[in-house]
């Protein structure tokens, strides 16, 4: 098993796996602000139940993931978190 696959084994335990995964990313069509906030809040609610939330957030920050909800934070929230650390 490679180091990368060992580091990413948390993904197999993620609460977002499965059919609900689509709410973690913007749809391919236009999304009104209210719809975006509702979708993101539903995704973040799933994150609060996830046993690997911290590993997910650390991964998204490390690779500078520009899209979606990761570890309970949106793109903008992750950018602000990184800026506070610097």
C-alpha atoms as a PDB file:
ATOM      1  CA  UNK A   1       0.000   0.000   0.000  1.00  0.00           C
ATOM      2  CA  UNK A   2       1.427   3.388  -0.978  1.00  0.00           C
ATOM      3  CA  UNK A   3       1.860   6.263   1.459  1.00  0.00           C
ATOM      4  CA  UNK A   4      -0.790   8.251  -0.396  1.00  0.00           C
ATOM      5  CA  UNK A   5      -3.354   5.438  -0.131  1.00  0.00           C
ATOM      6  CA  UNK A   6      -2.598   5.082   3.591  1.00  0.00           C
ATOM      7  CA  UNK A   7      -3.050   8.824   4.093  1.00  0.00           C
ATOM      8  CA  UNK A   8      -6.397   8.768   2.288  1.00  0.00           C
ATOM      9  CA  UNK A   9      -7.992   5.749   3.995  1.00  0.00           C
ATOM     10  CA  UNK A  10     -10.131   8.234   5.906  1.00  0.00           C
ATOM     11  CA  UNK A  11     -12.110   8.745   2.679  1.00  0.00           C
ATOM     12  CA  UNK A  12     -13.556   5.234   2.981  1.00  0.00           C
ATOM     13  CA  UNK A  13     -15.039   6.220   6.368  1.00  0.00           C
ATOM     14  CA  UNK A  14     -16.435   9.590   5.255  1.00  0.00           C
ATOM     15  CA  UNK A  15     -20.103  10.247   6.024  1.00  0.00           C
ATOM     16  CA  UNK A  16     -20.463  12.008   2.667  1.00  0.00           C
ATOM     17  CA  UNK A  17     -19.887   8.838   0.634  1.00  0.00           C
ATOM     18  CA  UNK A  18     -22.845   7.655  -1.358  1.00  0.00           C
ATOM     19  CA  UNK A  19     -25.790   9.270  -3.115  1.00  0.00           C
ATOM     20  CA  UNK A  20     -25.797  12.412  -0.953  1.00  0.00           C
ATOM     21  CA  UNK A  21     -22.253  13.311  -2.095  1.00  0.00           C
ATOM     22  CA  UNK A  22     -23.615  15.618  -4.794  1.00  0.00           C
ATOM     23  CA  UNK A  23     -24.753  18.207  -2.228  1.00  0.00           C
ATOM     24  CA  UNK A  24     -21.123  18.867  -1.305  1.00  0.00           C
ATOM     25  CA  UNK A  25     -20.420  20.513  -4.668  1.00  0.00           C
ATOM     26  CA  UNK A  26     -22.191  23.156  -6.745  1.00  0.00           C
ATOM     27  CA  UNK A  27     -24.564  21.835  -9.411  1.00  0.00           C
ATOM     28  CA  UNK A  28     -23.736  22.248 -13.111  1.00  0.00           C
ATOM     29  CA  UNK A  29     -26.580  24.751 -13.474  1.00  0.00           C
ATOM     30  CA  UNK A  30     -27.112  28.199 -11.944  1.00  0.00           C
ATOM     31  CA  UNK A  31     -27.802  28.103  -8.219  1.00  0.00           C
ATOM     32  CA  UNK A  32     -29.543  30.959  -6.422  1.00  0.00           C
ATOM     33  CA  UNK A  33     -27.904  32.203  -3.232  1.00  0.00           C
ATOM     34  CA  UNK A  34     -30.679  30.752  -1.051  1.00  0.00           C
ATOM     35  CA  UNK A  35     -30.342  27.370  -2.768  1.00  0.00           C
ATOM     36  CA  UNK A  36     -26.571  27.422  -2.302  1.00  0.00           C
ATOM     37  CA  UNK A  37     -26.859  28.220   1.388  1.00  0.00           C
ATOM     38  CA  UNK A  38     -29.440  25.478   1.903  1.00  0.00           C
ATOM     39  CA  UNK A  39     -27.314  22.917   0.036  1.00  0.00           C
ATOM     40  CA  UNK A  40     -24.164  23.900   1.938  1.00  0.00           C
ATOM     41  CA  UNK A  41     -25.972  23.755   5.283  1.00  0.00           C
ATOM     42  CA  UNK A  42     -27.245  20.243   4.496  1.00  0.00           C
ATOM     43  CA  UNK A  43     -23.706  19.182   3.577  1.00  0.00           C
ATOM     44  CA  UNK A  44     -22.238  20.757   6.706  1.00  0.00           C
ATOM     45  CA  UNK A  45     -24.857  18.920   8.772  1.00  0.00           C
ATOM     46  CA  UNK A  46     -23.546  15.629   7.410  1.00  0.00           C
ATOM     47  CA  UNK A  47     -20.000  16.769   8.242  1.00  0.00           C
ATOM     48  CA  UNK A  48     -20.944  17.274  11.893  1.00  0.00           C
ATOM     49  CA  UNK A  49     -21.757  13.552  12.133  1.00  0.00           C
ATOM     50  CA  UNK A  50     -18.568  12.430  10.393  1.00  0.00           C
ATOM     51  CA  UNK A  51     -15.849  10.597  12.291  1.00  0.00           C
ATOM     52  CA  UNK A  52     -13.168  11.765   9.829  1.00  0.00           C
ATOM     53  CA  UNK A  53     -14.161  15.437   9.575  1.00  0.00           C
ATOM     54  CA  UNK A  54     -10.758  16.694  10.764  1.00  0.00           C
ATOM     55  CA  UNK A  55      -8.806  14.489   8.338  1.00  0.00           C
ATOM     56  CA  UNK A  56     -11.063  15.665   5.510  1.00  0.00           C
ATOM     57  CA  UNK A  57     -10.526  19.332   6.347  1.00  0.00           C
ATOM     58  CA  UNK A  58      -6.772  18.858   6.704  1.00  0.00           C
ATOM     59  CA  UNK A  59      -6.664  17.136   3.313  1.00  0.00           C
ATOM     60  CA  UNK A  60      -8.660  19.893   1.582  1.00  0.00           C
ATOM     61  CA  UNK A  61      -6.433  22.584   3.075  1.00  0.00           C
ATOM     62  CA  UNK A  62      -3.250  20.688   2.218  1.00  0.00           C
ATOM     63  CA  UNK A  63      -4.180  20.231  -1.448  1.00  0.00           C
ATOM     64  CA  UNK A  64      -5.855  23.670  -1.597  1.00  0.00           C
ATOM     65  CA  UNK A  65      -9.131  22.190  -2.822  1.00  0.00           C
ATOM     66  CA  UNK A  66     -10.943  25.064  -4.563  1.00  0.00           C
ATOM     67  CA  UNK A  67     -14.442  23.553  -4.673  1.00  0.00           C
ATOM     68  CA  UNK A  68     -17.088  22.145  -2.391  1.00  0.00           C
ATOM     69  CA  UNK A  69     -17.640  21.509   1.284  1.00  0.00           C
ATOM     70  CA  UNK A  70     -14.762  19.638   2.921  1.00  0.00           C
ATOM     71  CA  UNK A  71     -14.452  18.996   6.641  1.00  0.00           C
ATOM     72  CA  UNK A  72     -17.478  21.184   7.284  1.00  0.00           C
ATOM     73  CA  UNK A  73     -16.080  24.297   5.588  1.00  0.00           C
ATOM     74  CA  UNK A  74     -16.831  25.953   2.259  1.00  0.00           C
ATOM     75  CA  UNK A  75     -14.191  27.209  -0.156  1.00  0.00           C
ATOM     76  CA  UNK A  76     -14.307  30.696   1.333  1.00  0.00           C
ATOM     77  CA  UNK A  77     -14.242  29.425   4.919  1.00  0.00           C
ATOM     78  CA  UNK A  78     -11.178  27.288   4.170  1.00  0.00           C
ATOM     79  CA  UNK A  79      -9.381  30.270   2.630  1.00  0.00           C
ATOM     80  CA  UNK A  80     -10.111  32.344   5.737  1.00  0.00           C
ATOM     81  CA  UNK A  81      -8.894  29.526   8.000  1.00  0.00           C
ATOM     82  CA  UNK A  82      -5.621  29.287   6.070  1.00  0.00           C
ATOM     83  CA  UNK A  83      -5.158  33.059   6.175  1.00  0.00           C
ATOM     84  CA  UNK A  84      -5.644  33.065   9.960  1.00  0.00           C
ATOM     85  CA  UNK A  85      -2.889  30.441  10.286  1.00  0.00           C
ATOM     86  CA  UNK A  86      -0.411  32.484   8.266  1.00  0.00           C
END
